[in-house]
Protein backbone atom coordinates (compact mmCIF):
# COMPACT_ATOMS: atom_id res chain seq x y z
CA MET A 1 59.26 -96.46 17.61
CA THR A 2 57.34 -99.38 17.99
CA THR A 3 54.22 -97.24 16.81
CA ILE A 4 56.57 -96.64 13.14
CA PHE A 5 57.88 -99.95 13.26
CA PRO A 6 54.86 -102.16 14.93
CA ALA A 7 56.95 -105.44 14.10
CA LEU A 8 59.63 -104.32 16.64
CA ALA A 9 57.00 -104.31 19.25
CA ALA A 10 57.26 -108.20 19.60
CA LEU A 11 61.27 -108.24 20.20
CA GLU A 12 62.27 -110.77 22.82
CA PRO A 13 63.16 -108.91 26.52
CA ALA A 14 66.93 -109.69 25.67
CA ALA A 15 66.85 -108.60 22.13
CA ARG A 16 64.63 -105.11 23.46
CA ARG A 17 67.65 -104.12 25.73
CA VAL A 18 70.45 -104.98 23.07
CA LEU A 19 68.03 -102.55 20.71
CA ASP A 20 67.49 -100.21 23.39
CA GLU A 21 71.15 -99.90 24.33
CA GLY A 22 72.48 -99.68 20.70
CA VAL A 23 70.47 -96.89 19.28
CA ARG A 24 70.81 -93.21 19.55
CA PRO A 25 68.01 -90.65 18.18
CA VAL A 26 69.63 -88.64 14.68
CA THR A 27 68.39 -85.85 13.18
CA VAL A 28 69.61 -84.85 9.76
CA PRO A 29 68.78 -81.83 8.08
CA PRO A 30 67.68 -81.74 4.16
CA GLY A 31 70.15 -81.71 1.18
CA THR A 32 72.71 -84.01 3.70
CA THR A 33 74.54 -87.34 1.90
CA VAL A 34 73.73 -89.66 4.71
CA PHE A 35 75.80 -92.28 2.93
CA ALA A 36 78.42 -91.99 -0.12
CA ASP A 37 79.15 -94.77 -2.69
CA GLY A 38 81.68 -97.02 -1.95
CA SER A 39 81.89 -95.68 1.83
CA ALA A 40 81.24 -98.17 4.73
CA CYS A 41 78.52 -98.52 6.67
CA GLU A 42 78.28 -96.61 10.16
CA ALA A 43 74.23 -97.63 11.43
CA PHE A 44 71.50 -99.23 10.40
CA LEU A 45 69.10 -96.33 10.15
CA LEU A 46 65.24 -96.49 11.23
CA VAL A 47 63.56 -93.92 9.61
CA LEU A 48 60.99 -91.97 12.34
CA ASP A 49 60.16 -89.48 9.92
CA GLY A 50 61.26 -87.87 6.43
CA SER A 51 62.69 -89.29 3.45
CA VAL A 52 66.16 -90.61 2.22
CA ARG A 53 66.53 -90.37 -1.38
CA VAL A 54 68.85 -93.62 -2.40
CA GLN A 55 70.48 -92.53 -6.21
CA LYS A 56 73.00 -94.05 -8.23
CA VAL A 57 75.16 -91.40 -10.05
CA ALA A 58 77.32 -92.61 -13.20
CA GLU A 59 80.82 -91.60 -14.41
CA ASN A 60 78.91 -89.53 -16.85
CA GLY A 61 77.09 -87.59 -14.47
CA ARG A 62 73.65 -89.70 -15.18
CA GLU A 63 71.69 -90.36 -11.66
CA ILE A 64 68.57 -92.81 -11.34
CA VAL A 65 66.89 -92.75 -8.11
CA LEU A 66 66.61 -96.55 -7.14
CA TYR A 67 64.31 -96.13 -4.29
CA ARG A 68 63.55 -93.87 -1.11
CA VAL A 69 63.64 -94.62 2.49
CA GLU A 70 60.55 -93.45 4.65
CA PRO A 71 58.85 -93.48 8.09
CA GLY A 72 58.86 -97.21 8.80
CA GLN A 73 61.15 -98.45 6.51
CA THR A 74 64.98 -99.16 6.27
CA CYS A 75 67.75 -99.14 3.93
CA VAL A 76 68.25 -102.43 1.84
CA LEU A 77 71.18 -100.93 0.75
CA THR A 78 72.38 -100.58 4.48
CA THR A 79 71.44 -104.18 5.43
CA THR A 80 73.38 -105.51 2.46
CA CYS A 81 76.59 -103.53 3.56
CA LEU A 82 76.01 -104.63 7.47
CA LEU A 83 75.24 -108.75 6.44
CA SER A 84 78.30 -108.41 3.68
CA GLN A 85 80.85 -106.20 5.61
CA GLY A 86 81.21 -104.58 2.19
CA ILE A 87 80.48 -101.22 1.23
CA TYR A 88 77.61 -98.82 -0.39
CA GLY A 89 77.13 -99.25 -4.13
CA ALA A 90 75.14 -95.65 -4.26
CA GLU A 91 74.45 -92.69 -2.20
CA GLY A 92 71.72 -91.57 0.39
CA VAL A 93 71.12 -88.27 0.63
CA THR A 94 67.95 -86.72 2.79
CA GLU A 95 65.15 -84.99 0.71
CA THR A 96 63.55 -83.37 3.80
CA PRO A 97 64.46 -83.10 7.62
CA VAL A 98 65.15 -86.71 8.90
CA ARG A 99 64.38 -88.17 12.47
CA GLY A 100 65.30 -91.28 12.97
CA LEU A 101 67.30 -94.12 15.31
CA ALA A 102 70.62 -94.88 14.30
CA LEU A 103 71.29 -98.86 15.40
CA ALA A 104 75.49 -99.43 15.93
CA PRO A 105 76.51 -102.15 13.69
CA ARG A 106 77.79 -104.40 16.46
CA ALA A 107 74.10 -104.00 18.26
CA PHE A 108 73.16 -105.15 14.89
CA GLN A 109 74.91 -107.98 14.31
CA SER A 110 74.05 -109.11 17.80
CA LEU A 111 70.41 -108.86 17.33
CA MET A 112 70.44 -110.84 13.74
CA ALA A 113 72.49 -113.68 15.57
CA THR A 114 70.03 -113.95 18.90
CA SER A 115 66.68 -112.39 17.71
CA ASP A 116 64.13 -114.49 15.45
CA VAL A 117 62.04 -111.47 15.17
CA PHE A 118 64.49 -108.92 14.28
CA ARG A 119 65.69 -111.41 11.64
CA ARG A 120 61.91 -111.55 10.52
CA PHE A 121 61.92 -107.64 10.43
CA VAL A 122 65.06 -107.04 8.91
CA PHE A 123 64.48 -109.73 5.70
CA GLY A 124 60.97 -108.89 5.39
CA ALA A 125 61.85 -105.23 4.57
CA TYR A 126 64.73 -106.60 2.40
CA ALA A 127 62.42 -108.57 0.45
CA THR A 128 60.35 -106.08 -0.18
CA ARG A 129 62.41 -103.88 -1.54
CA VAL A 130 64.20 -106.21 -3.85
CA SER A 131 60.76 -106.55 -5.53
CA ASP A 132 61.01 -103.05 -5.78
CA LEU A 133 64.17 -102.77 -7.35
CA LEU A 134 63.39 -105.90 -9.87
CA MET A 135 60.64 -103.71 -10.74
CA LEU A 136 62.28 -100.67 -11.51
CA ILE A 137 64.80 -102.90 -13.39
CA GLU A 138 62.35 -104.21 -15.82
CA GLU A 139 60.58 -100.69 -16.12
CA VAL A 140 63.96 -98.98 -17.14
CA ALA A 141 64.80 -101.79 -19.34
CA PHE A 142 61.69 -102.82 -21.39
CA GLY A 143 59.51 -99.77 -20.35
CA ARG A 144 58.37 -97.11 -22.65
CA ILE A 145 59.55 -93.63 -21.42
CA ASP A 146 56.14 -92.05 -22.40
CA GLN A 147 54.15 -94.55 -20.06
CA ARG A 148 56.69 -93.90 -17.28
CA LEU A 149 56.73 -90.49 -17.63
CA ALA A 150 52.70 -90.02 -17.70
CA ALA A 151 52.71 -92.44 -14.66
CA LEU A 152 55.46 -90.35 -12.57
CA LEU A 153 53.77 -87.02 -13.40
CA LEU A 154 50.55 -88.28 -12.31
CA GLU A 155 52.10 -90.22 -8.99
CA LYS A 156 53.71 -86.61 -8.33
CA ALA A 157 50.39 -84.65 -8.96
CA GLY A 158 48.68 -86.85 -6.22
CA ALA A 159 45.06 -85.20 -6.20
CA GLY A 160 46.84 -81.66 -7.58
CA ASP A 161 46.66 -80.87 -11.44
CA ALA A 162 50.50 -80.01 -11.20
CA VAL A 163 54.17 -81.34 -10.77
CA ALA A 164 57.15 -78.85 -9.32
CA ALA A 165 60.18 -80.42 -10.92
CA THR A 166 62.53 -79.73 -13.19
CA HIS A 167 63.20 -81.74 -16.34
CA GLN A 168 66.59 -82.69 -14.84
CA ASP A 169 64.53 -83.92 -11.60
CA LEU A 170 62.32 -85.78 -13.51
CA ALA A 171 65.12 -87.33 -15.82
CA VAL A 172 66.75 -88.50 -12.49
CA GLU A 173 63.63 -90.24 -11.48
CA LEU A 174 63.42 -92.18 -14.32
CA GLY A 175 67.30 -93.20 -15.66
CA SER A 176 66.93 -90.93 -18.42
CA ALA A 177 68.72 -88.14 -19.95
CA ARG A 178 67.27 -84.84 -19.81
CA GLU A 179 67.28 -84.14 -23.21
CA VAL A 180 65.12 -87.00 -23.63
CA ILE A 181 62.43 -85.96 -20.91
CA SER A 182 62.69 -82.70 -22.50
CA ARG A 183 61.35 -83.82 -25.49
CA GLN A 184 58.76 -86.15 -24.27
CA LEU A 185 57.30 -83.12 -22.35
CA LYS A 186 57.04 -81.02 -25.50
CA ASP A 187 55.24 -83.72 -26.71
CA PHE A 188 52.93 -84.08 -24.23
CA GLU A 189 52.56 -80.65 -24.32
CA ARG A 190 51.70 -80.40 -28.06
CA ARG A 191 49.36 -83.30 -27.53
CA GLY A 192 47.70 -81.09 -24.74
CA LEU A 193 48.71 -83.11 -22.22
CA VAL A 194 50.50 -80.90 -20.25
CA VAL A 195 51.75 -77.06 -19.92
CA LEU A 196 55.37 -76.53 -19.26
CA GLY A 197 56.56 -73.54 -17.16
CA ARG A 198 59.87 -73.09 -15.09
CA GLY A 199 60.29 -75.81 -12.93
CA ARG A 200 56.44 -76.74 -13.05
CA VAL A 201 54.51 -79.24 -15.18
CA SER A 202 50.98 -78.71 -15.15
CA LEU A 203 48.30 -81.30 -16.12
CA THR A 204 45.58 -80.19 -18.57
CA ALA A 205 44.27 -83.84 -19.63
CA ARG A 206 44.55 -86.02 -16.90
CA GLY A 207 42.73 -88.74 -18.32
CA GLY A 208 45.01 -88.57 -21.22
CA LEU A 209 48.19 -89.51 -19.28
CA GLU A 210 45.95 -91.85 -17.09
CA LYS A 211 45.35 -93.64 -20.41
CA LEU A 212 48.91 -93.62 -21.50
CA ALA A 213 50.21 -94.68 -18.52
CA ARG A 214 47.75 -97.31 -17.73
CA PRO A 215 49.71 -100.39 -18.64
CA LEU A 216 52.15 -99.14 -15.66
CA VAL A 217 49.49 -98.40 -13.02
CA ILE A 218 48.12 -101.01 -10.66
């Protein structure tokens, strides 16, 4: 565990015992809802392998991906629920098989009350994620959809030249409507930046997309 979460290697001996006694290994198949919007928190998950997509679904069915919890990360909504004893304001769904450690709420509260190391670990992860969410809000509220879509295509393609995703998948990632994304993709295709296929977007002019996305790419 400390290989994936090195900050926990410095836990005080008493805190280490609480952690070891309070966690249980979990394995979750892909496509599983690990927490639902409006549900109470049942555990503090330390992800060792895999990815959990945290998303908000509106009453009209529109979705937006808030963030992903990947190896070495924790969920800020889970932290918020445990600290406030409240409920989730979004849902978490496994994108891949997920392997992790589930820390019981009582053990989490005990560690927060007694361990400086654990508190720094939790609040450090919390601060990082809040910063990411503020950037997302800024992009959604003020960013141009063509810039954001170009940046997303480049991110998902990585070193490759294609993205395996539907128009709806991309719309969810950007918190937009499928129709808006479809129009923008067709405009990209008309400009020679991409070629559209079923469930696939091929990048044909990476330089053009990079130039378009540059204001959003660090």
